[in-house]
Each structure stands twice: as structure tokens, then as C-alpha cells.
Protein backbone atom coordinates (compact mmCIF):
# COMPACT_ATOMS: atom_id res chain seq x y z
CA UNK A 1 -44.79 111.12 -28.08
CA UNK A 2 -46.75 107.56 -27.27
CA UNK A 3 -49.57 106.41 -29.51
CA UNK A 4 -51.90 105.08 -27.34
CA UNK A 5 -50.89 106.87 -23.73
CA UNK A 6 -51.60 104.70 -20.51
CA UNK A 7 -52.21 104.98 -16.98
CA UNK A 8 -48.68 103.26 -15.33
CA UNK A 9 -48.04 102.93 -11.84
CA UNK A 10 -43.96 102.97 -11.31
CA UNK A 11 -43.05 101.28 -7.85
CA UNK A 12 -39.99 102.37 -6.60
CA UNK A 13 -38.18 105.73 -7.16
CA UNK A 14 -34.76 105.40 -7.20
CA UNK A 15 -32.71 105.45 -9.76
CA UNK A 16 -34.66 102.97 -12.39
CA UNK A 17 -38.20 103.76 -11.37
CA UNK A 18 -37.54 107.62 -11.08
CA UNK A 19 -35.88 107.79 -14.31
CA UNK A 20 -38.50 105.08 -15.94
CA UNK A 21 -41.63 107.84 -14.46
CA UNK A 22 -40.35 111.03 -15.59
CA UNK A 23 -39.13 110.04 -18.81
CA UNK A 24 -42.67 108.15 -19.46
CA UNK A 25 -44.22 110.91 -18.55
CA UNK A 26 -42.71 112.73 -20.94
CA UNK A 27 -43.55 110.51 -23.74
CA UNK A 28 -47.36 111.09 -22.83
CA UNK A 29 -48.16 108.79 -20.18
CA UNK A 30 -50.21 109.03 -16.92
CA UNK A 31 -47.28 108.07 -14.55
CA UNK A 32 -47.68 107.75 -10.65
CA UNK A 33 -44.52 106.99 -8.79
CA UNK A 34 -44.73 104.74 -5.63
CA UNK A 35 -42.15 104.87 -3.12
CA UNK A 36 -42.25 104.17 0.56
CA UNK A 37 -39.65 106.86 1.21
CA UNK A 38 -41.83 110.65 2.03
CA UNK A 39 -38.86 112.27 1.02
CA UNK A 40 -38.63 110.77 -2.64
CA UNK A 41 -42.61 111.14 -3.13
CA UNK A 42 -42.05 115.22 -2.15
CA UNK A 43 -38.97 115.52 -3.62
CA UNK A 44 -41.07 114.90 -7.25
CA UNK A 45 -44.54 116.54 -6.05
CA UNK A 46 -42.36 119.60 -5.75
CA UNK A 47 -40.88 119.30 -9.57
CA UNK A 48 -37.57 118.26 -8.01
CA UNK A 49 -35.36 115.15 -8.51
CA UNK A 50 -34.50 112.63 -5.56
CA UNK A 51 -31.12 112.37 -6.68
CA UNK A 52 -28.47 113.95 -8.72
CA UNK A 53 -28.92 112.77 -12.61
CA UNK A 54 -28.41 114.61 -15.75
CA UNK A 55 -31.34 115.81 -17.08
CA UNK A 56 -33.27 114.51 -14.77
CA UNK A 57 -34.95 117.34 -12.62
CA UNK A 58 -36.12 118.89 -16.15
CA UNK A 59 -38.47 116.17 -16.90
CA UNK A 60 -39.28 115.62 -13.31
CA UNK A 61 -40.54 119.58 -12.99
CA UNK A 62 -42.09 119.52 -16.70
CA UNK A 63 -43.89 115.93 -15.79
CA UNK A 64 -45.45 117.19 -12.52
CA UNK A 65 -46.57 121.01 -14.27
CA UNK A 66 -48.40 119.00 -17.12
CA UNK A 67 -49.90 116.62 -14.73
CA UNK A 68 -48.76 113.90 -16.41
CA UNK A 69 -46.31 112.49 -13.66
CA UNK A 70 -47.27 112.56 -9.73
CA UNK A 71 -46.26 110.64 -6.68
CA UNK A 72 -47.49 108.97 -3.82
CA UNK A 73 -46.66 106.76 -0.49
CA UNK A 74 -50.17 104.86 -1.43
CA UNK A 75 -49.51 101.73 -3.62
CA UNK A 76 -53.67 101.77 -3.70
CA UNK A 77 -53.86 104.86 -4.75
CA UNK A 78 -51.67 104.55 -7.73
CA UNK A 79 -52.89 100.76 -8.58
CA UNK A 80 -56.71 102.10 -8.51
CA UNK A 81 -57.09 102.66 -12.25
CA UNK A 82 -53.41 101.87 -13.59
CA UNK A 83 -53.14 99.83 -17.02
CA UNK A 84 -49.25 98.73 -16.09
CA UNK A 85 -47.69 98.49 -12.93
CA UNK A 86 -43.48 98.96 -13.50
CA UNK A 87 -41.87 97.28 -10.63
CA UNK A 88 -38.64 98.39 -10.08
CA UNK A 89 -37.75 97.93 -6.89
CA UNK A 90 -33.71 96.91 -5.44
CA UNK A 91 -32.68 93.62 -5.86
CA UNK A 92 -29.09 93.88 -3.77
CA UNK A 93 -26.92 91.18 -3.23
CA UNK A 94 -26.87 88.95 -0.20
CA UNK A 95 -23.51 88.18 1.49
CA UNK A 96 -23.36 84.48 -0.57
CA UNK A 97 -23.90 86.66 -3.52
CA UNK A 98 -27.59 85.93 -4.35
CA UNK A 99 -30.07 87.96 -5.39
CA UNK A 100 -32.44 89.58 -1.93
CA UNK A 101 -35.64 89.27 -3.39
CA UNK A 102 -37.43 90.90 -0.14
CA UNK A 103 -38.39 94.34 -1.96
CA UNK A 104 -39.82 92.05 -5.10
CA UNK A 105 -41.84 89.63 -3.16
CA UNK A 106 -43.28 91.95 -0.83
CA UNK A 107 -44.20 94.39 -3.27
CA UNK A 108 -46.15 91.50 -5.44
CA UNK A 109 -48.25 90.66 -2.26
CA UNK A 110 -49.16 94.08 -2.08
CA UNK A 111 -50.33 94.23 -5.47
CA UNK A 112 -52.41 91.14 -5.07
CA UNK A 113 -53.58 92.02 -1.87
CA UNK A 114 -55.29 94.72 -3.31
CA UNK A 115 -56.91 92.90 -6.34
CA UNK A 116 -60.37 91.59 -5.14
CA UNK A 117 -62.88 93.40 -6.09
CA UNK A 118 -60.97 94.70 -8.88
CA UNK A 119 -62.79 94.31 -12.49
CA UNK A 120 -60.04 96.25 -15.00
CA UNK A 121 -57.05 93.73 -15.91
CA UNK A 122 -53.07 94.75 -14.59
CA UNK A 123 -50.59 93.95 -16.04
CA UNK A 124 -47.38 93.75 -14.20
CA UNK A 125 -43.93 94.14 -15.48
CA UNK A 126 -40.88 93.48 -13.61
CA UNK A 127 -37.80 95.79 -14.42
CA UNK A 128 -35.89 95.48 -11.30
CA UNK A 129 -32.94 92.39 -12.74
CA UNK A 130 -33.74 89.08 -11.65
CA UNK A 131 -32.38 86.02 -11.92
CA UNK A 132 -34.05 83.95 -14.75
CA UNK A 133 -37.02 82.19 -13.29
CA UNK A 134 -37.92 84.56 -10.60
CA UNK A 135 -41.40 85.84 -12.33
CA UNK A 136 -42.18 82.84 -12.07
CA UNK A 137 -41.21 81.95 -9.04
CA UNK A 138 -42.30 84.66 -6.64
CA UNK A 139 -44.06 87.09 -8.46
CA UNK A 140 -46.71 85.23 -10.90
CA UNK A 141 -47.63 82.53 -7.29
CA UNK A 142 -48.78 85.72 -5.39
CA UNK A 143 -51.05 86.56 -7.95
CA UNK A 144 -52.71 82.82 -7.62
CA UNK A 145 -53.57 82.68 -11.24
CA UNK A 146 -55.82 85.58 -10.94
CA UNK A 147 -57.08 86.17 -14.94
CA UNK A 148 -56.93 89.68 -14.29
CA UNK A 149 -52.94 89.72 -14.21
CA UNK A 150 -50.72 88.91 -16.24
CA UNK A 151 -47.00 88.73 -15.74
CA UNK A 152 -44.47 90.38 -17.93
CA UNK A 153 -40.24 90.75 -17.75
CA UNK A 154 -39.60 94.86 -19.15
CA UNK A 155 -35.66 94.73 -18.08
CA UNK A 156 -33.93 98.28 -17.61
CA UNK A 157 -30.87 98.95 -20.10
CA UNK A 158 -30.08 102.01 -17.56
CA UNK A 159 -26.68 103.51 -16.97
CA UNK A 160 -26.16 105.78 -14.21
CA UNK A 161 -25.15 109.59 -15.13
CA UNK A 162 -26.41 108.66 -18.67
CA UNK A 163 -30.07 107.10 -17.85
CA UNK A 164 -32.32 109.47 -19.29
CA UNK A 165 -30.63 109.64 -22.29
CA UNK A 166 -30.22 105.99 -22.62
CA UNK A 167 -34.26 105.76 -21.76
CA UNK A 168 -35.08 108.01 -24.17
CA UNK A 169 -32.67 107.00 -26.80
CA UNK A 170 -32.79 103.21 -26.21
CA UNK A 171 -30.26 100.75 -27.66
CA UNK A 172 -32.07 97.81 -27.14
CA UNK A 173 -35.84 97.19 -25.68
CA UNK A 174 -36.52 93.58 -24.50
CA UNK A 175 -40.21 92.64 -23.33
CA UNK A 176 -40.97 88.34 -22.14
CA UNK A 177 -43.89 86.90 -21.23
CA UNK A 178 -46.51 84.16 -22.09
CA UNK A 179 -49.54 86.70 -22.81
CA UNK A 180 -49.40 87.96 -26.14
CA UNK A 181 -51.63 91.04 -25.64
CA UNK A 182 -49.75 91.89 -22.27
CA UNK A 183 -46.60 91.47 -23.71
CA UNK A 184 -47.18 93.67 -26.71
CA UNK A 185 -49.32 96.36 -24.32
CA UNK A 186 -46.45 97.00 -22.42
CA UNK A 187 -44.29 97.09 -25.56
CA UNK A 188 -46.39 99.97 -27.26
CA UNK A 189 -45.79 101.69 -23.90
CA UNK A 190 -42.46 102.65 -25.60
CA UNK A 191 -43.75 103.27 -29.28
CA UNK A 192 -42.86 106.76 -28.93
CA UNK A 193 -39.31 105.93 -29.06
CA UNK A 194 -36.82 105.10 -31.81
CA UNK A 195 -36.25 101.40 -30.83
CA UNK A 196 -37.51 97.78 -32.32
CA UNK A 197 -38.65 95.90 -29.82
CA UNK A 198 -37.14 92.01 -28.86
CA UNK A 199 -40.19 90.13 -27.67
CA UNK A 200 -38.98 86.77 -26.13
CA UNK A 201 -40.09 84.59 -23.51
CA UNK A 202 -40.22 85.18 -19.88
CA UNK A 203 -37.29 83.66 -18.61
CA UNK A 204 -35.29 85.37 -22.01
CA UNK A 205 -36.03 88.20 -21.20
CA UNK A 206 -34.80 87.86 -17.55
CA UNK A 207 -31.47 86.15 -18.94
CA UNK A 208 -30.76 88.90 -21.57
CA UNK A 209 -30.36 91.72 -18.89
CA UNK A 210 -27.71 88.95 -16.52
CA UNK A 211 -26.13 88.18 -20.20
CA UNK A 212 -25.70 92.13 -21.65
CA UNK A 213 -23.91 93.24 -17.74
CA UNK A 214 -21.82 90.23 -18.45
CA UNK A 215 -20.71 91.07 -21.24
CA UNK A 216 -20.22 94.67 -20.31
CA UNK A 217 -18.06 93.61 -17.35
CA UNK A 218 -15.86 90.67 -19.71
CA UNK A 219 -15.29 93.77 -21.98
CA UNK A 220 -13.86 96.00 -19.27
CA UNK A 221 -12.06 93.21 -17.81
CA UNK A 222 -10.08 91.89 -21.10
CA UNK A 223 -9.35 96.07 -21.67
CA UNK A 224 -7.59 96.18 -18.35
CA UNK A 225 -6.14 93.44 -19.21
CA UNK A 226 -4.67 93.78 -22.48
CA UNK A 227 -3.79 97.04 -21.33
CA UNK A 228 -1.97 96.04 -17.89
CA UNK A 229 0.06 93.55 -20.16
CA UNK A 230 1.00 96.59 -22.96
CA UNK A 231 1.89 98.63 -20.31
CA UNK A 232 4.59 95.91 -19.20
CA UNK A 233 5.54 95.44 -22.74
CA UNK A 234 6.48 99.37 -23.25
CA UNK A 235 3.42 99.60 -25.56
CA UNK A 236 0.62 101.72 -25.59
CA UNK A 237 -2.57 99.73 -24.75
CA UNK A 238 -4.65 102.50 -25.70
CA UNK A 239 -3.92 102.32 -29.27
CA UNK A 240 -4.12 98.93 -28.80
CA UNK A 241 -7.75 98.75 -27.89
CA UNK A 242 -8.96 101.38 -30.07
CA UNK A 243 -7.12 99.66 -33.01
CA UNK A 244 -8.64 96.08 -32.49
CA UNK A 245 -11.98 98.67 -32.27
CA UNK A 246 -11.96 99.65 -35.75
CA UNK A 247 -12.61 95.83 -37.34
CA UNK A 248 -16.08 95.93 -37.08
CA UNK A 249 -16.47 92.49 -38.98
CA UNK A 250 -14.75 90.43 -36.49
CA UNK A 251 -14.17 92.18 -33.10
CA UNK A 252 -16.99 94.52 -32.50
CA UNK A 253 -20.02 92.96 -34.42
CA UNK A 254 -22.14 89.79 -34.11
CA UNK A 255 -19.11 87.41 -34.50
CA UNK A 256 -18.46 85.04 -32.71
CA UNK A 257 -21.59 85.49 -30.38
CA UNK A 258 -23.47 82.79 -30.53
CA UNK A 259 -23.44 79.50 -28.34
CA UNK A 260 -21.80 76.27 -29.88
CA UNK A 261 -18.52 74.40 -29.46
CA UNK A 262 -15.56 74.84 -28.36
CA UNK A 263 -13.25 76.50 -30.32
CA UNK A 264 -9.85 75.07 -31.82
CA UNK A 265 -7.24 75.60 -34.75
CA UNK A 266 -3.76 76.17 -34.87
CA UNK A 267 -3.94 79.73 -33.61
CA UNK A 268 -6.32 80.81 -30.94
CA UNK A 269 -5.47 78.24 -28.38
CA UNK A 270 -1.73 78.41 -29.23
CA UNK A 271 -1.94 82.41 -28.80
CA UNK A 272 -3.85 82.37 -25.78
CA UNK A 273 -1.43 79.66 -23.90
CA UNK A 274 1.39 81.98 -25.46
CA UNK A 275 -0.06 85.07 -24.24
CA UNK A 276 -0.67 84.11 -20.13
CA UNK A 277 2.59 82.52 -19.75
CA UNK A 278 4.81 85.25 -21.03
CA UNK A 279 2.33 87.90 -18.51
CA UNK A 280 3.31 84.86 -15.86
CA UNK A 281 7.45 85.78 -17.00
CA UNK A 282 6.76 89.30 -15.95
CA UNK A 283 4.29 88.06 -12.82
CA UNK A 284 1.46 89.32 -14.38
CA UNK A 285 -1.84 87.88 -14.08
CA UNK A 286 -4.45 87.85 -15.97
CA UNK A 287 -6.98 86.47 -14.79
CA UNK A 288 -9.68 86.87 -17.26
CA UNK A 289 -7.54 85.47 -20.03
CA UNK A 290 -6.30 82.35 -17.91
CA UNK A 291 -9.64 81.51 -17.65
CA UNK A 292 -10.10 81.56 -21.43
CA UNK A 293 -9.07 78.34 -22.13
CA UNK A 294 -10.61 76.42 -18.83
CA UNK A 295 -13.48 77.80 -20.10
CA UNK A 296 -13.39 76.15 -23.46
CA UNK A 297 -12.15 73.09 -21.83
CA UNK A 298 -15.42 73.02 -19.45
CA UNK A 299 -17.44 73.78 -23.10
CA UNK A 300 -16.07 69.96 -24.61
CA UNK A 301 -16.54 68.55 -21.55
CA UNK A 302 -20.07 69.33 -21.37
CA UNK A 303 -20.54 68.28 -25.31
CA UNK A 304 -18.62 64.82 -24.25
CA UNK A 305 -21.12 64.63 -21.38
CA UNK A 306 -24.21 64.62 -23.70
CA UNK A 307 -22.69 62.28 -26.04
CA UNK A 308 -21.66 59.63 -23.47
CA UNK A 309 -25.33 59.55 -22.22
CA UNK A 310 -26.65 58.58 -25.68
CA UNK A 311 -28.50 55.25 -25.79
CA UNK A 312 -27.52 53.17 -28.65
CA UNK A 313 -24.50 51.59 -29.95
CA UNK A 314 -23.84 53.81 -33.20
CA UNK A 315 -22.54 57.76 -32.32
CA UNK A 316 -22.18 59.08 -35.84
CA UNK A 317 -20.26 62.80 -36.03
CA UNK A 318 -20.42 64.84 -38.75
CA UNK A 319 -17.48 67.03 -38.87
CA UNK A 320 -13.70 66.37 -37.60
CA UNK A 321 -12.16 69.95 -38.49
CA UNK A 322 -11.62 72.55 -35.77
CA UNK A 323 -14.57 74.56 -37.91
CA UNK A 324 -16.32 74.61 -41.58
CA UNK A 325 -14.67 75.00 -44.76
CA UNK A 326 -11.31 73.66 -43.93
CA UNK A 327 -9.27 70.56 -43.31
CA UNK A 328 -6.79 71.63 -40.36
CA UNK A 329 -7.35 69.23 -37.91
CA UNK A 330 -4.99 70.57 -35.36
CA UNK A 331 -6.18 70.67 -31.82
CA UNK A 332 -9.91 70.60 -33.12
CA UNK A 333 -12.29 69.94 -30.28
CA UNK A 334 -13.79 67.23 -32.32
CA UNK A 335 -10.92 65.04 -32.34
CA UNK A 336 -10.85 65.50 -28.30
CA UNK A 337 -14.48 64.27 -28.56
CA UNK A 338 -13.70 61.32 -30.70
CA UNK A 339 -10.53 60.33 -28.44
CA UNK A 340 -12.81 60.37 -24.90
CA UNK A 341 -15.88 58.26 -26.60
CA UNK A 342 -13.40 56.00 -28.08
CA UNK A 343 -11.69 54.98 -25.42
CA UNK A 344 -15.26 54.73 -22.76
CA UNK A 345 -16.16 51.91 -25.53
CA UNK A 346 -18.94 54.00 -27.57
CA UNK A 347 -18.62 52.76 -31.58
CA UNK A 348 -18.22 56.23 -33.79
CA UNK A 349 -18.21 56.79 -37.76
CA UNK A 350 -16.83 60.34 -38.52
CA UNK A 351 -17.92 62.01 -41.65
CA UNK A 352 -16.08 65.68 -42.94
CA UNK A 353 -16.99 66.77 -46.20
CA UNK A 354 -13.50 68.46 -46.62
CA UNK A 355 -11.16 65.68 -44.90
CA UNK A 356 -9.57 63.14 -47.43
CA UNK A 357 -7.10 61.25 -45.37
CA UNK A 358 -4.75 60.82 -48.09
CA UNK A 359 -4.08 64.41 -48.74
CA UNK A 360 -3.52 65.90 -45.51
CA UNK A 361 0.22 66.18 -44.62
CA UNK A 362 2.59 68.10 -42.15
CA UNK A 363 1.86 69.07 -38.87
CA UNK A 364 -1.63 68.30 -39.42
CA UNK A 365 -1.71 64.76 -40.30
CA UNK A 366 0.83 64.57 -37.18
CA UNK A 367 -1.42 65.67 -35.21
CA UNK A 368 -4.42 63.36 -36.29
CA UNK A 369 -2.01 60.54 -36.54
CA UNK A 370 -1.11 60.91 -33.04
CA UNK A 371 -4.06 61.53 -31.00
CA UNK A 372 -6.23 58.56 -33.40
CA UNK A 373 -3.46 56.38 -35.24
CA UNK A 374 -6.51 54.43 -36.78
CA UNK A 375 -8.76 56.87 -37.52
CA UNK A 376 -8.78 55.78 -41.47
CA UNK A 377 -11.33 52.98 -39.84
CA UNK A 378 -13.66 55.80 -38.66
CA UNK A 379 -14.40 58.22 -41.49
CA UNK A 380 -16.86 57.47 -44.10
CA UNK A 381 -16.45 59.31 -47.21
CA UNK A 382 -20.16 59.10 -47.92
CA UNK A 383 -22.59 61.06 -45.62
CA UNK A 384 -25.06 58.37 -46.48
CA UNK A 385 -23.09 55.72 -45.14
CA UNK A 386 -22.39 57.57 -41.82
CA UNK A 387 -26.10 58.11 -41.64
CA UNK A 388 -27.27 54.85 -42.23
CA UNK A 389 -24.83 53.05 -39.85
CA UNK A 390 -25.81 55.91 -36.78
CA UNK A 391 -27.83 55.37 -33.68
CA UNK A 392 -27.47 59.14 -33.41
CA UNK A 393 -25.54 62.03 -35.00
CA UNK A 394 -23.06 64.40 -33.28
CA UNK A 395 -23.43 67.73 -35.45
CA UNK A 396 -19.74 69.31 -34.73
CA UNK A 397 -19.25 71.43 -37.19
CA UNK A 398 -21.51 73.58 -39.37
CA UNK A 399 -23.21 71.78 -42.45
CA UNK A 400 -23.76 73.72 -45.64
CA UNK A 401 -27.29 74.62 -47.03
CA UNK A 402 -27.23 71.08 -48.74
CA UNK A 403 -26.08 68.95 -46.03
CA UNK A 404 -28.14 70.61 -43.42
CA UNK A 405 -31.02 69.34 -45.34
CA UNK A 406 -29.71 65.73 -45.52
CA UNK A 407 -28.89 65.92 -41.88
CA UNK A 408 -32.66 67.08 -40.85
CA UNK A 409 -34.11 64.74 -44.04
CA UNK A 410 -32.60 61.46 -42.46
CA UNK A 411 -34.84 61.08 -39.76
CA UNK A 412 -31.89 60.06 -37.25
CA UNK A 413 -31.70 62.65 -33.99
CA UNK A 414 -29.75 64.90 -34.49
CA UNK A 415 -27.49 66.20 -31.43
CA UNK A 416 -26.24 70.20 -32.86
CA UNK A 417 -23.51 71.20 -30.92
CA UNK A 418 -23.29 73.90 -33.16
CA UNK A 419 -26.00 75.60 -33.28
CA UNK A 420 -26.25 75.52 -36.76
CA UNK A 421 -29.50 73.77 -37.17
CA UNK A 422 -33.38 74.98 -37.85
CA UNK A 423 -35.63 74.67 -35.61
CA UNK A 424 -37.65 71.66 -36.50
CA UNK A 425 -40.16 68.42 -35.05
CA UNK A 426 -37.75 65.76 -34.62
CA UNK A 427 -34.77 67.45 -34.14
CA UNK A 428 -32.45 66.69 -30.47
CA UNK A 429 -31.70 70.64 -29.81
CA UNK A 430 -28.98 70.20 -27.20
CA UNK A 431 -27.54 73.18 -25.76
CA UNK A 432 -23.57 72.41 -24.23
């Protein structure tokens, strides 16, 4: 049960709103659900769910019976003594793919119209899925900076068909906003559940919802494309994916899920090209897999654009191999970065602690000499030498703790392409 029961108005009694209202009542809050649809309101008041969702009808019936759950078509009635207003209205797609925000805009304005004369503070928490910046651009302006209103983003992570279970056994709870007390109060709504809240900025909370949904869609499409190719090859795709999922160190894990620089090396680009080529020979389209290398190239292009916009003549680069703790230069994105910078007339010097030009050989040596024949003139064996010479430093490889400390202590503007440096004053944090 909730540690500190609150009075909550849930605006919208669709799939998200009705489940949210019934579950909040179950954990001890006093909840009023609001909807313009009289049928939905009457259903809840009668102890019935207005649509089928496993487990929901029992929660609605119990909530109404205990007096903790009610419903109304009157927003004024629901807000009269509410501590928190949870906005759960629809944000459907428009024809051009953009979000339809008419319902969100209307309900925000209706809440604002009810604020004059109110003395109790109201927290407006948006659970509807909205594009980052929507709370700042649509919801906040409706209240004209009123000190009695705080706006918070509290996205939902409920799946139809499993929404009650997802609410009562949450794997993720996100609350974002700029008013710490309001954010904490919304997080406390869920204190009766076994989940640690992720407290973030307002736009970050909105973006997390999109990141989650996009990731789910990518996973489904990836499994389907692997399954389609496996079927063409007479392989059991389900067995392939089931085995892939057994690896919790690299496959189903946090590994690689961090914004950073483009990938390279002797495996990933080569194997993706082979997979896509062989699929094309089977007249099989794999749009997701076909887009991975172009996506990687676009990430490299963004880094190049950042580098070309730097003032000053001297650009230092930390890292040359395709990743840290190796001297493998094959298909390193840093090599392609250097090629472009040199071609555009920039002066460049590079330091990589694991690259000794005289000690690399074979395909590794051929790759770098074909790409940048004069690479020996650009390499600096000493980190301090490169730092002294450079006006700006591109960090294109994750440094060791010792080298990271030296980079950050250098006083030079550091352009972090790989997301490896600690937040600090004076560092130029660039997301490419």
C-alpha cells in the first residue's frame, strides 16, 4: 500500500487512464477518473471495466466498493481537492506521422481555467506519450507561470493485455521535472510498488518513453529479419534467437547501448555487408539490417561535421584504432575521420597509446598505409606532445582512467565523441 495516500485525478479513462486509476486505488490512493464519455464513467461507477483488460474489472469493482475509486464527467469536481492530476489522454498519429496534441492542449487549458480562486497546489503529471519538449511547449504555457502549478512527466510503460501486471509489477518508473518537490511527490505515488524511481529532467522523461518503444520495435523487426533469413537457409530461426538470448553479457544486456562513436573493426562491418549481400542474392529484403551501415556512416558524418566546425588550426585526436585496448586499425572510423579532416585542409596530430607504427603488419598495416600513407607524420608518441600542440582535442576512443585524468586536467577543450569523459566544468560535451 502507498506510504502517503494522495488524492489523484486521472484525466482520461482509456486503456492507460482506467488501468492507472484502478491500480492507484488498489495501492491506497483516493482516485477520481474523468472522461467526457458517459459510458466509461458509468461503467466505472457501476464497478465494471469499460473495456476488456485481464484483471481490470476486479480492480475497478474493489476500488469502487472501498470508496477509493470513483469517476465523473466533471473535471472541476475531480480537481476540487486533488493533489495530483495525471493526464492520460490520447495522442494519436496525424496523417503526416506527427502527434495529435489537441486533447492534451484542451485538457491543459481546461485545468488552467479552473485554477483561479484555488489555493492548494496542483501537480500536473503527463502520462500520455508526448514528443520531447511537449510539456514545455504545450502544457506549461497553459498555466502562465502560476506558482500553484508544477508540471511533471510521468510516462507509462503498460502493454495492452498485460497492463495491470505491468503497473503492479513495474520494471521501470520514470518521473521528470524541474521542481524537485513535485517530482518526488509523483514518485511517491508509486511507493507501494517494488520499483526504484528514475528521477530525470522533464525532456529526458519524455524521450525515455520514445527510446523504449523504438527499442521494442527494433528488437521485433530484428528477430523477424533474422527469422526470415534463417527460413530461406533452412535454419530454425527460433533456435537461433533463443540461443542468442542466452548471452546476457553482450546480447541481452547493457553492452553497446550507450551513445558514442561509429563502430568499426574487422568484424561488424564485414559481417553486416556479407549478410545483406547474401540475403539480396535470395531476393530477400532486410530493411533493418540493410540500414545499419548507412546509420553508422551517418554517425561518423555527424562527428566529422562537429570537427570541421571547430575554431583554431590544430586538431588533436586521441585514439586511432577502432576501439580501446587494441592496435587493430581495420575499418576504424577514426581513420575515415582523419581522411576527411586532412582532405579539408585541417592540421591534425594523433595519439593512440597502443599504436606503434613499426610494430603493425599484414592487413592491418596495409589498411592504414592505403588510407593515410603519411600517417607516421601525424602520430605523436607522447600524449603531452599532442595536447600541447592542439587547440582542440577529439576524444575518439575510451581512455584509461589515468589518461582520462590527464586529458581532463590539460585545460584543452575536449570534444567527447565516445561518451567516455566525466561531467566537468570546461569540457565540451558533444553528442553526435
